[in-house]
């Protein structure tokens, strides 16, 4: 009787032993995965914080040329009241905000 019981249980015991052995081989999933890099900084990177001295000045060709020369080949746009602008986010792009009187009212990076 014991022999028949052992014969019937042998496949099940083999399966249990295999599952236990394989579970010891599993990993947490973090062993070979590189750490995810942090997202890019959302801090302004266009230099808007360095141009406060221009706020209140007329957005004349001369003043805009000075800012453009300071920026080099980096993207920049002058935004006048009512002007249509794209809503894409570009932290390296300088926006020069102009008020109804044609004066620079501020700068931002978007």
PDB file of N, CA and C in Angstrom:
ATOM      1  N   UNK A   1       0.819  -1.178   0.000  1.00  0.00           N
ATOM      2  CA  UNK A   1       0.000   0.000   0.000  1.00  0.00           C
ATOM      3  C   UNK A   1       0.869   1.250   0.000  1.00  0.00           C
ATOM      4  N   UNK A   2       1.915   1.235   0.796  1.00  0.00           N
ATOM      5  CA  UNK A   2       2.802   2.373   0.852  1.00  0.00           C
ATOM      6  C   UNK A   2       3.471   2.598  -0.491  1.00  0.00           C
ATOM      7  N   UNK A   3       3.783   1.550  -1.189  1.00  0.00           N
ATOM      8  CA  UNK A   3       4.421   1.649  -2.481  1.00  0.00           C
ATOM      9  C   UNK A   3       3.512   2.322  -3.503  1.00  0.00           C
ATOM     10  N   UNK A   4       2.219   1.992  -3.471  1.00  0.00           N
ATOM     11  CA  UNK A   4       1.277   2.607  -4.407  1.00  0.00           C
ATOM     12  C   UNK A   4       1.084   4.079  -4.088  1.00  0.00           C
ATOM     13  N   UNK A   5       1.036   4.442  -2.826  1.00  0.00           N
ATOM     14  CA  UNK A   5       0.875   5.838  -2.416  1.00  0.00           C
ATOM     15  C   UNK A   5       2.087   6.661  -2.839  1.00  0.00           C
ATOM     16  N   UNK A   6       3.251   6.099  -2.669  1.00  0.00           N
ATOM     17  CA  UNK A   6       4.479   6.775  -3.075  1.00  0.00           C
ATOM     18  C   UNK A   6       4.501   6.952  -4.580  1.00  0.00           C
ATOM     19  N   UNK A   7       4.066   5.981  -5.312  1.00  0.00           N
ATOM     20  CA  UNK A   7       4.051   6.059  -6.766  1.00  0.00           C
ATOM     21  C   UNK A   7       3.082   7.139  -7.231  1.00  0.00           C
ATOM     22  N   UNK A   8       1.978   7.275  -6.576  1.00  0.00           N
ATOM     23  CA  UNK A   8       0.993   8.295  -6.963  1.00  0.00           C
ATOM     24  C   UNK A   8       1.440   9.704  -6.559  1.00  0.00           C
ATOM     25  N   UNK A   9       2.126   9.833  -5.466  1.00  0.00           N
ATOM     26  CA  UNK A   9       2.541  11.154  -4.971  1.00  0.00           C
ATOM     27  C   UNK A   9       3.849  11.635  -5.579  1.00  0.00           C
ATOM     28  N   UNK A  10       4.600  10.767  -6.160  1.00  0.00           N
ATOM     29  CA  UNK A  10       5.920  11.119  -6.692  1.00  0.00           C
ATOM     30  C   UNK A  10       5.851  12.265  -7.695  1.00  0.00           C
ATOM     31  N   UNK A  11       4.952  12.247  -8.705  1.00  0.00           N
ATOM     32  CA  UNK A  11       4.903  13.379  -9.639  1.00  0.00           C
ATOM     33  C   UNK A  11       4.543  14.690  -8.953  1.00  0.00           C
ATOM     34  N   UNK A  12       3.627  14.652  -8.015  1.00  0.00           N
ATOM     35  CA  UNK A  12       3.226  15.871  -7.308  1.00  0.00           C
ATOM     36  C   UNK A  12       4.378  16.410  -6.461  1.00  0.00           C
ATOM     37  N   UNK A  13       5.080  15.527  -5.794  1.00  0.00           N
ATOM     38  CA  UNK A  13       6.220  15.964  -4.975  1.00  0.00           C
ATOM     39  C   UNK A  13       7.342  16.518  -5.848  1.00  0.00           C
ATOM     40  N   UNK A  14       7.531  15.930  -7.015  1.00  0.00           N
ATOM     41  CA  UNK A  14       8.544  16.434  -7.942  1.00  0.00           C
ATOM     42  C   UNK A  14       8.176  17.838  -8.414  1.00  0.00           C
ATOM     43  N   UNK A  15       6.898  18.034  -8.702  1.00  0.00           N
ATOM     44  CA  UNK A  15       6.422  19.351  -9.135  1.00  0.00           C
ATOM     45  C   UNK A  15       6.607  20.390  -8.032  1.00  0.00           C
ATOM     46  N   UNK A  16       6.261  20.044  -6.819  1.00  0.00           N
ATOM     47  CA  UNK A  16       6.433  20.965  -5.689  1.00  0.00           C
ATOM     48  C   UNK A  16       7.903  21.304  -5.502  1.00  0.00           C
ATOM     49  N   UNK A  17       8.768  20.309  -5.588  1.00  0.00           N
ATOM     50  CA  UNK A  17      10.208  20.547  -5.430  1.00  0.00           C
ATOM     51  C   UNK A  17      10.738  21.465  -6.531  1.00  0.00           C
ATOM     52  N   UNK A  18      10.239  21.281  -7.761  1.00  0.00           N
ATOM     53  CA  UNK A  18      10.674  22.137  -8.873  1.00  0.00           C
ATOM     54  C   UNK A  18      10.218  23.579  -8.671  1.00  0.00           C
ATOM     55  N   UNK A  19       9.003  23.765  -8.200  1.00  0.00           N
ATOM     56  CA  UNK A  19       8.483  25.121  -7.958  1.00  0.00           C
ATOM     57  C   UNK A  19       9.296  25.815  -6.869  1.00  0.00           C
ATOM     58  N   UNK A  20       9.582  25.090  -5.811  1.00  0.00           N
ATOM     59  CA  UNK A  20      10.383  25.672  -4.718  1.00  0.00           C
ATOM     60  C   UNK A  20      11.777  26.039  -5.225  1.00  0.00           C
ATOM     61  N   UNK A  21      12.367  25.178  -6.022  1.00  0.00           N
ATOM     62  CA  UNK A  21      13.710  25.450  -6.541  1.00  0.00           C
ATOM     63  C   UNK A  21      13.709  26.652  -7.477  1.00  0.00           C
ATOM     64  N   UNK A  22      12.709  26.743  -8.326  1.00  0.00           N
ATOM     65  CA  UNK A  22      12.633  27.874  -9.253  1.00  0.00           C
ATOM     66  C   UNK A  22      12.337  29.194  -8.544  1.00  0.00           C
ATOM     67  N   UNK A  23      11.562  29.140  -7.488  1.00  0.00           N
ATOM     68  CA  UNK A  23      11.250  30.380  -6.777  1.00  0.00           C
ATOM     69  C   UNK A  23      12.508  30.967  -6.136  1.00  0.00           C
ATOM     70  N   UNK A  24      13.451  30.128  -5.807  1.00  0.00           N
ATOM     71  CA  UNK A  24      14.708  30.619  -5.243  1.00  0.00           C
ATOM     72  C   UNK A  24      15.541  31.345  -6.282  1.00  0.00           C
ATOM     73  N   UNK A  25      15.271  31.067  -7.569  1.00  0.00           N
ATOM     74  CA  UNK A  25      16.027  31.701  -8.649  1.00  0.00           C
ATOM     75  C   UNK A  25      15.439  33.022  -9.087  1.00  0.00           C
ATOM     76  N   UNK A  26      14.233  33.311  -8.664  1.00  0.00           N
ATOM     77  CA  UNK A  26      13.598  34.552  -9.131  1.00  0.00           C
ATOM     78  C   UNK A  26      14.260  35.758  -8.482  1.00  0.00           C
ATOM     79  N   UNK A  27      14.170  36.893  -9.171  1.00  0.00           N
ATOM     80  CA  UNK A  27      14.754  38.123  -8.642  1.00  0.00           C
ATOM     81  C   UNK A  27      13.645  39.109  -8.351  1.00  0.00           C
ATOM     82  N   UNK A  28      14.006  40.194  -7.728  1.00  0.00           N
ATOM     83  CA  UNK A  28      13.026  41.227  -7.412  1.00  0.00           C
ATOM     84  C   UNK A  28      12.723  42.100  -8.611  1.00  0.00           C
ATOM     85  N   UNK A  29      13.454  41.914  -9.699  1.00  0.00           N
ATOM     86  CA  UNK A  29      13.235  42.720 -10.895  1.00  0.00           C
ATOM     87  C   UNK A  29      14.132  43.951 -10.935  1.00  0.00           C
ATOM     88  N   UNK A  30      14.841  44.221  -9.875  1.00  0.00           N
ATOM     89  CA  UNK A  30      15.678  45.416  -9.820  1.00  0.00           C
ATOM     90  C   UNK A  30      17.163  45.101  -9.943  1.00  0.00           C
ATOM     91  N   UNK A  31      17.503  43.809 -10.036  1.00  0.00           N
ATOM     92  CA  UNK A  31      18.903  43.428 -10.032  1.00  0.00           C
ATOM     93  C   UNK A  31      19.681  43.934 -11.245  1.00  0.00           C
ATOM     94  N   UNK A  32      19.087  43.824 -12.423  1.00  0.00           N
ATOM     95  CA  UNK A  32      19.794  44.176 -13.647  1.00  0.00           C
ATOM     96  C   UNK A  32      19.209  45.407 -14.333  1.00  0.00           C
ATOM     97  N   UNK A  33      18.330  46.115 -13.689  1.00  0.00           N
ATOM     98  CA  UNK A  33      17.691  47.274 -14.285  1.00  0.00           C
ATOM     99  C   UNK A  33      18.396  48.536 -13.795  1.00  0.00           C
ATOM    100  N   UNK A  34      18.805  49.362 -14.742  1.00  0.00           N
ATOM    101  CA  UNK A  34      19.453  50.622 -14.357  1.00  0.00           C
ATOM    102  C   UNK A  34      18.426  51.527 -13.687  1.00  0.00           C
ATOM    103  N   UNK A  35      18.875  52.309 -12.755  1.00  0.00           N
ATOM    104  CA  UNK A  35      17.987  53.233 -12.066  1.00  0.00           C
ATOM    105  C   UNK A  35      17.473  54.271 -13.055  1.00  0.00           C
ATOM    106  N   UNK A  36      16.202  54.586 -12.972  1.00  0.00           N
ATOM    107  CA  UNK A  36      15.594  55.558 -13.871  1.00  0.00           C
ATOM    108  C   UNK A  36      16.176  56.935 -13.578  1.00  0.00           C
ATOM    109  N   UNK A  37      16.654  57.642 -14.607  1.00  0.00           N
ATOM    110  CA  UNK A  37      17.215  58.971 -14.364  1.00  0.00           C
ATOM    111  C   UNK A  37      16.106  59.943 -13.959  1.00  0.00           C
ATOM    112  N   UNK A  38      16.451  60.964 -13.210  1.00  0.00           N
ATOM    113  CA  UNK A  38      15.444  61.946 -12.814  1.00  0.00           C
ATOM    114  C   UNK A  38      14.964  62.718 -14.036  1.00  0.00           C
ATOM    115  N   UNK A  39      13.755  63.262 -13.969  1.00  0.00           N
ATOM    116  CA  UNK A  39      13.265  64.045 -15.110  1.00  0.00           C
ATOM    117  C   UNK A  39      14.098  65.310 -15.271  1.00  0.00           C
ATOM    118  N   UNK A  40      14.120  65.874 -16.481  1.00  0.00           N
ATOM    119  CA  UNK A  40      14.880  67.105 -16.674  1.00  0.00           C
ATOM    120  C   UNK A  40      14.342  68.210 -15.770  1.00  0.00           C
ATOM    121  N   UNK A  41      15.224  69.073 -15.397  1.00  0.00           N
ATOM    122  CA  UNK A  41      14.844  70.183 -14.534  1.00  0.00           C
ATOM    123  C   UNK A  41      13.825  71.068 -15.225  1.00  0.00           C
ATOM    124  N   UNK A  42      12.824  71.478 -14.463  1.00  0.00           N
ATOM    125  CA  UNK A  42      11.812  72.373 -15.009  1.00  0.00           C
ATOM    126  C   UNK A  42      12.153  73.833 -14.684  1.00  0.00           C
ATOM    127  N   UNK A  43      13.291  74.041 -14.105  1.00  0.00           N
ATOM    128  CA  UNK A  43      13.733  75.395 -13.810  1.00  0.00           C
ATOM    129  C   UNK A  43      14.006  76.137 -15.112  1.00  0.00           C
ATOM    130  N   UNK A  44      13.710  77.436 -15.142  1.00  0.00           N
ATOM    131  CA  UNK A  44      14.000  78.200 -16.353  1.00  0.00           C
ATOM    132  C   UNK A  44      15.469  78.088 -16.737  1.00  0.00           C
ATOM    133  N   UNK A  45      15.715  77.840 -18.001  1.00  0.00           N
ATOM    134  CA  UNK A  45      17.093  77.715 -18.453  1.00  0.00           C
ATOM    135  C   UNK A  45      17.377  78.650 -19.618  1.00  0.00           C
ATOM    136  N   UNK A  46      16.494  79.622 -19.830  1.00  0.00           N
ATOM    137  CA  UNK A  46      16.659  80.511 -20.981  1.00  0.00           C
ATOM    138  C   UNK A  46      17.294  81.844 -20.600  1.00  0.00           C
ATOM    139  N   UNK A  47      17.513  82.074 -19.324  1.00  0.00           N
ATOM    140  CA  UNK A  47      18.131  83.318 -18.892  1.00  0.00           C
ATOM    141  C   UNK A  47      17.150  84.427 -18.556  1.00  0.00           C
ATOM    142  N   UNK A  48      15.854  84.120 -18.508  1.00  0.00           N
ATOM    143  CA  UNK A  48      14.841  85.141 -18.232  1.00  0.00           C
ATOM    144  C   UNK A  48      15.105  85.875 -16.923  1.00  0.00           C
ATOM    145  N   UNK A  49      15.620  85.155 -15.945  1.00  0.00           N
ATOM    146  CA  UNK A  49      15.879  85.766 -14.634  1.00  0.00           C
ATOM    147  C   UNK A  49      17.034  86.768 -14.654  1.00  0.00           C
ATOM    148  N   UNK A  50      17.774  86.829 -15.738  1.00  0.00           N
ATOM    149  CA  UNK A  50      18.916  87.746 -15.833  1.00  0.00           C
ATOM    150  C   UNK A  50      18.591  89.027 -16.597  1.00  0.00           C
ATOM    151  N   UNK A  51      17.340  89.185 -17.013  1.00  0.00           N
ATOM    152  CA  UNK A  51      16.981  90.311 -17.877  1.00  0.00           C
ATOM    153  C   UNK A  51      16.044  91.323 -17.213  1.00  0.00           C
ATOM    154  N   UNK A  52      15.962  91.313 -15.922  1.00  0.00           N
ATOM    155  CA  UNK A  52      15.049  92.201 -15.204  1.00  0.00           C
ATOM    156  C   UNK A  52      15.305  93.678 -15.502  1.00  0.00           C
ATOM    157  N   UNK A  53      16.517  94.039 -15.828  1.00  0.00           N
ATOM    158  CA  UNK A  53      16.835  95.449 -16.085  1.00  0.00           C
ATOM    159  C   UNK A  53      16.136  95.974 -17.346  1.00  0.00           C
ATOM    160  N   UNK A  54      15.679  95.077 -18.213  1.00  0.00           N
ATOM    161  CA  UNK A  54      14.987  95.505 -19.431  1.00  0.00           C
ATOM    162  C   UNK A  54      13.488  95.725 -19.228  1.00  0.00           C
ATOM    163  N   UNK A  55      12.941  95.248 -18.127  1.00  0.00           N
ATOM    164  CA  UNK A  55      11.509  95.413 -17.882  1.00  0.00           C
ATOM    165  C   UNK A  55      11.180  96.895 -17.770  1.00  0.00           C
ATOM    166  N   UNK A  56      10.156  97.314 -18.508  1.00  0.00           N
ATOM    167  CA  UNK A  56       9.738  98.717 -18.533  1.00  0.00           C
ATOM    168  C   UNK A  56      10.327  99.501 -19.695  1.00  0.00           C
ATOM    169  N   UNK A  57      11.367  98.986 -20.309  1.00  0.00           N
ATOM    170  CA  UNK A  57      11.974  99.658 -21.461  1.00  0.00           C
ATOM    171  C   UNK A  57      11.138  99.388 -22.714  1.00  0.00           C
ATOM    172  N   UNK A  58      11.195 100.309 -23.683  1.00  0.00           N
ATOM    173  CA  UNK A  58      10.487 100.058 -24.939  1.00  0.00           C
ATOM    174  C   UNK A  58      11.069  98.825 -25.636  1.00  0.00           C
ATOM    175  N   UNK A  59      10.195  98.045 -26.274  1.00  0.00           N
ATOM    176  CA  UNK A  59      10.643  96.875 -27.025  1.00  0.00           C
ATOM    177  C   UNK A  59      11.041  97.316 -28.424  1.00  0.00           C
ATOM    178  N   UNK A  60      11.977  98.255 -28.466  1.00  0.00           N
ATOM    179  CA  UNK A  60      12.435  98.804 -29.744  1.00  0.00           C
ATOM    180  C   UNK A  60      13.333  97.803 -30.452  1.00  0.00           C
ATOM    181  N   UNK A  61      13.575  98.045 -31.715  1.00  0.00           N
ATOM    182  CA  UNK A  61      14.465  97.173 -32.480  1.00  0.00           C
ATOM    183  C   UNK A  61      15.846  97.113 -31.833  1.00  0.00           C
ATOM    184  N   UNK A  62      16.294  98.259 -31.315  1.00  0.00           N
ATOM    185  CA  UNK A  62      17.620  98.323 -30.688  1.00  0.00           C
ATOM    186  C   UNK A  62      17.694  97.442 -29.436  1.00  0.00           C
ATOM    187  N   UNK A  63      16.685  97.551 -28.581  1.00  0.00           N
ATOM    188  CA  UNK A  63      16.673  96.765 -27.341  1.00  0.00           C
ATOM    189  C   UNK A  63      16.548  95.277 -27.662  1.00  0.00           C
ATOM    190  N   UNK A  64      15.656  94.924 -28.579  1.00  0.00           N
ATOM    191  CA  UNK A  64      15.488  93.523 -28.961  1.00  0.00           C
ATOM    192  C   UNK A  64      16.773  92.978 -29.581  1.00  0.00           C
ATOM    193  N   UNK A  65      17.474  93.814 -30.347  1.00  0.00           N
ATOM    194  CA  UNK A  65      18.748  93.392 -30.953  1.00  0.00           C
ATOM    195  C   UNK A  65      19.787  93.099 -29.868  1.00  0.00           C
ATOM    196  N   UNK A  66      19.797  93.901 -28.796  1.00  0.00           N
ATOM    197  CA  UNK A  66      20.736  93.665 -27.695  1.00  0.00           C
ATOM    198  C   UNK A  66      20.444  92.333 -27.007  1.00  0.00           C
ATOM    199  N   UNK A  67      19.170  92.071 -26.784  1.00  0.00           N
ATOM    200  CA  UNK A  67      18.789  90.811 -26.132  1.00  0.00           C
ATOM    201  C   UNK A  67      19.114  89.637 -27.056  1.00  0.00           C
ATOM    202  N   UNK A  68      18.838  89.804 -28.327  1.00  0.00           N
ATOM    203  CA  UNK A  68      19.132  88.751 -29.303  1.00  0.00           C
ATOM    204  C   UNK A  68      20.626  88.467 -29.364  1.00  0.00           C
ATOM    205  N   UNK A  69      21.435  89.509 -29.346  1.00  0.00           N
ATOM    206  CA  UNK A  69      22.893  89.329 -29.371  1.00  0.00           C
ATOM    207  C   UNK A  69      23.359  88.601 -28.112  1.00  0.00           C
ATOM    208  N   UNK A  70      22.775  88.934 -26.992  1.00  0.00           N
ATOM    209  CA  UNK A  70      23.110  88.283 -25.732  1.00  0.00           C
ATOM    210  C   UNK A  70      22.722  86.797 -25.782  1.00  0.00           C
ATOM    211  N   UNK A  71      21.593  86.491 -26.413  1.00  0.00           N
ATOM    212  CA  UNK A  71      21.100  85.106 -26.517  1.00  0.00           C
ATOM    213  C   UNK A  71      21.911  84.266 -27.498  1.00  0.00           C
ATOM    214  N   UNK A  72      22.504  84.900 -28.488  1.00  0.00           N
ATOM    215  CA  UNK A  72      23.221  84.127 -29.506  1.00  0.00           C
ATOM    216  C   UNK A  72      22.229  83.425 -30.421  1.00  0.00           C
ATOM    217  N   UNK A  73      22.481  82.167 -30.701  1.00  0.00           N
ATOM    218  CA  UNK A  73      21.610  81.435 -31.618  1.00  0.00           C
ATOM    219  C   UNK A  73      20.504  80.657 -30.906  1.00  0.00           C
ATOM    220  N   UNK A  74      20.275  80.956 -29.643  1.00  0.00           N
ATOM    221  CA  UNK A  74      19.229  80.279 -28.881  1.00  0.00           C
ATOM    222  C   UNK A  74      17.860  80.855 -29.251  1.00  0.00           C
ATOM    223  N   UNK A  75      16.809  80.047 -29.177  1.00  0.00           N
ATOM    224  CA  UNK A  75      15.480  80.512 -29.601  1.00  0.00           C
ATOM    225  C   UNK A  75      14.927  81.627 -28.720  1.00  0.00           C
ATOM    226  N   UNK A  76      14.241  82.548 -29.373  1.00  0.00           N
ATOM    227  CA  UNK A  76      13.652  83.689 -28.684  1.00  0.00           C
ATOM    228  C   UNK A  76      12.462  84.169 -29.500  1.00  0.00           C
ATOM    229  N   UNK A  77      11.451  84.694 -28.823  1.00  0.00           N
ATOM    230  CA  UNK A  77      10.333  85.310 -29.531  1.00  0.00           C
ATOM    231  C   UNK A  77       9.804  86.491 -28.731  1.00  0.00           C
ATOM    232  N   UNK A  78       9.354  87.499 -29.461  1.00  0.00           N
ATOM    233  CA  UNK A  78       8.756  88.690 -28.865  1.00  0.00           C
ATOM    234  C   UNK A  78       7.246  88.521 -28.996  1.00  0.00           C
ATOM    235  N   UNK A  79       6.544  88.567 -27.879  1.00  0.00           N
ATOM    236  CA  UNK A  79       5.105  88.332 -27.878  1.00  0.00           C
ATOM    237  C   UNK A  79       4.391  89.637 -27.533  1.00  0.00           C
ATOM    238  N   UNK A  80       3.629  90.123 -28.503  1.00  0.00           N
ATOM    239  CA  UNK A  80       2.867  91.363 -28.339  1.00  0.00           C
ATOM    240  C   UNK A  80       1.419  91.027 -28.002  1.00  0.00           C
ATOM    241  N   UNK A  81       0.678  91.977 -27.406  1.00  0.00           N
ATOM    242  CA  UNK A  81      -0.709  91.711 -27.034  1.00  0.00           C
ATOM    243  C   UNK A  81      -1.530  91.210 -28.231  1.00  0.00           C
ATOM    244  N   UNK A  82      -2.314  90.174 -28.000  1.00  0.00           N
ATOM    245  CA  UNK A  82      -3.182  89.625 -29.027  1.00  0.00           C
ATOM    246  C   UNK A  82      -2.497  88.735 -30.040  1.00  0.00           C
ATOM    247  N   UNK A  83      -1.208  88.580 -29.921  1.00  0.00           N
ATOM    248  CA  UNK A  83      -0.444  87.778 -30.873  1.00  0.00           C
ATOM    249  C   UNK A  83      -0.661  86.284 -30.599  1.00  0.00           C
ATOM    250  N   UNK A  84      -0.872  85.510 -31.656  1.00  0.00           N
ATOM    251  CA  UNK A  84      -1.010  84.062 -31.509  1.00  0.00           C
ATOM    252  C   UNK A  84       0.367  83.442 -31.333  1.00  0.00           C
ATOM    253  N   UNK A  85       0.462  82.533 -30.384  1.00  0.00           N
ATOM    254  CA  UNK A  85       1.727  81.834 -30.146  1.00  0.00           C
ATOM    255  C   UNK A  85       1.440  80.352 -29.955  1.00  0.00           C
ATOM    256  N   UNK A  86       2.432  79.535 -30.272  1.00  0.00           N
ATOM    257  CA  UNK A  86       2.294  78.098 -30.058  1.00  0.00           C
ATOM    258  C   UNK A  86       2.366  77.804 -28.566  1.00  0.00           C
ATOM    259  N   UNK A  87       1.775  76.699 -28.167  1.00  0.00           N
ATOM    260  CA  UNK A  87       1.751  76.332 -26.755  1.00  0.00           C
ATOM    261  C   UNK A  87       2.759  75.232 -26.422  1.00  0.00           C
ATOM    262  N   UNK A  88       3.670  74.931 -27.349  1.00  0.00           N
ATOM    263  CA  UNK A  88       4.667  73.904 -27.069  1.00  0.00           C
ATOM    264  C   UNK A  88       5.632  74.396 -25.994  1.00  0.00           C
ATOM    265  N   UNK A  89       6.091  73.475 -25.161  1.00  0.00           N
ATOM    266  CA  UNK A  89       6.980  73.838 -24.066  1.00  0.00           C
ATOM    267  C   UNK A  89       8.427  73.645 -24.486  1.00  0.00           C
ATOM    268  N   UNK A  90       9.166  74.735 -24.449  1.00  0.00           N
ATOM    269  CA  UNK A  90      10.602  74.701 -24.760  1.00  0.00           C
ATOM    270  C   UNK A  90      11.326  75.526 -23.702  1.00  0.00           C
ATOM    271  N   UNK A  91      11.887  74.889 -22.696  1.00  0.00           N
ATOM    272  CA  UNK A  91      12.510  75.630 -21.602  1.00  0.00           C
ATOM    273  C   UNK A  91      13.716  76.451 -22.014  1.00  0.00           C
ATOM    274  N   UNK A  92      14.266  76.200 -23.201  1.00  0.00           N
ATOM    275  CA  UNK A  92      15.422  76.981 -23.652  1.00  0.00           C
ATOM    276  C   UNK A  92      15.000  78.224 -24.439  1.00  0.00           C
ATOM    277  N   UNK A  93      13.708  78.374 -24.723  1.00  0.00           N
ATOM    278  CA  UNK A  93      13.230  79.511 -25.514  1.00  0.00           C
ATOM    279  C   UNK A  93      12.871  80.686 -24.602  1.00  0.00           C
ATOM    280  N   UNK A  94      13.395  81.852 -24.938  1.00  0.00           N
ATOM    281  CA  UNK A  94      13.086  83.079 -24.202  1.00  0.00           C
ATOM    282  C   UNK A  94      11.891  83.760 -24.852  1.00  0.00           C
ATOM    283  N   UNK A  95      10.889  84.067 -24.047  1.00  0.00           N
ATOM    284  CA  UNK A  95       9.750  84.856 -24.499  1.00  0.00           C
ATOM    285  C   UNK A  95       9.884  86.256 -23.918  1.00  0.00           C
ATOM    286  N   UNK A  96       9.808  87.241 -24.796  1.00  0.00           N
ATOM    287  CA  UNK A  96       9.818  88.637 -24.368  1.00  0.00           C
ATOM    288  C   UNK A  96       8.366  89.098 -24.423  1.00  0.00           C
ATOM    289  N   UNK A  97       7.781  89.380 -23.270  1.00  0.00           N
ATOM    290  CA  UNK A  97       6.383  89.811 -23.187  1.00  0.00           C
ATOM    291  C   UNK A  97       6.319  91.332 -23.308  1.00  0.00           C
ATOM    292  N   UNK A  98       5.507  91.804 -24.252  1.00  0.00           N
ATOM    293  CA  UNK A  98       5.378  93.241 -24.502  1.00  0.00           C
ATOM    294  C   UNK A  98       3.959  93.670 -24.145  1.00  0.00           C
ATOM    295  N   UNK A  99       3.825  94.838 -23.495  1.00  0.00           N
ATOM    296  CA  UNK A  99       2.493  95.320 -23.109  1.00  0.00           C
ATOM    297  C   UNK A  99       1.857  96.149 -24.226  1.00  0.00           C
ATOM    298  N   UNK A 100       0.661  96.685 -23.958  1.00  0.00           N
ATOM    299  CA  UNK A 100      -0.087  97.474 -24.948  1.00  0.00           C
ATOM    300  C   UNK A 100       0.633  98.745 -25.376  1.00  0.00           C
ATOM    301  N   UNK A 101       1.508  99.256 -24.537  1.00  0.00           N
ATOM    302  CA  UNK A 101       2.252 100.488 -24.846  1.00  0.00           C
ATOM    303  C   UNK A 101       3.566 100.203 -25.582  1.00  0.00           C
ATOM    304  N   UNK A 102       3.865  98.942 -25.866  1.00  0.00           N
ATOM    305  CA  UNK A 102       5.100  98.607 -26.560  1.00  0.00           C
ATOM    306  C   UNK A 102       6.301  98.488 -25.648  1.00  0.00           C
ATOM    307  N   UNK A 103       6.065  98.400 -24.338  1.00  0.00           N
ATOM    308  CA  UNK A 103       7.154  98.249 -23.384  1.00  0.00           C
ATOM    309  C   UNK A 103       7.296  96.788 -22.958  1.00  0.00           C
ATOM    310  N   UNK A 104       8.503  96.400 -22.607  1.00  0.00           N
ATOM    311  CA  UNK A 104       8.741  95.053 -22.144  1.00  0.00           C
ATOM    312  C   UNK A 104       8.138  94.918 -20.746  1.00  0.00           C
ATOM    313  N   UNK A 105       7.234  93.945 -20.605  1.00  0.00           N
ATOM    314  CA  UNK A 105       6.618  93.759 -19.287  1.00  0.00           C
ATOM    315  C   UNK A 105       7.171  92.546 -18.541  1.00  0.00           C
ATOM    316  N   UNK A 106       7.949  91.721 -19.242  1.00  0.00           N
ATOM    317  CA  UNK A 106       8.556  90.573 -18.555  1.00  0.00           C
ATOM    318  C   UNK A 106       9.124  89.568 -19.524  1.00  0.00           C
ATOM    319  N   UNK A 107       9.725  88.539 -18.932  1.00  0.00           N
ATOM    320  CA  UNK A 107      10.360  87.463 -19.691  1.00  0.00           C
ATOM    321  C   UNK A 107       9.980  86.147 -19.046  1.00  0.00           C
ATOM    322  N   UNK A 108       9.891  85.113 -19.866  1.00  0.00           N
ATOM    323  CA  UNK A 108       9.714  83.772 -19.325  1.00  0.00           C
ATOM    324  C   UNK A 108      10.292  82.745 -20.283  1.00  0.00           C
ATOM    325  N   UNK A 109      10.429  81.555 -19.791  1.00  0.00           N
ATOM    326  CA  UNK A 109      11.011  80.460 -20.578  1.00  0.00           C
ATOM    327  C   UNK A 109       9.925  79.424 -20.852  1.00  0.00           C
ATOM    328  N   UNK A 110       9.511  79.334 -22.110  1.00  0.00           N
ATOM    329  CA  UNK A 110       8.539  78.285 -22.492  1.00  0.00           C
ATOM    330  C   UNK A 110       8.626  78.006 -23.957  1.00  0.00           C
TER     331      UNK A 110
END
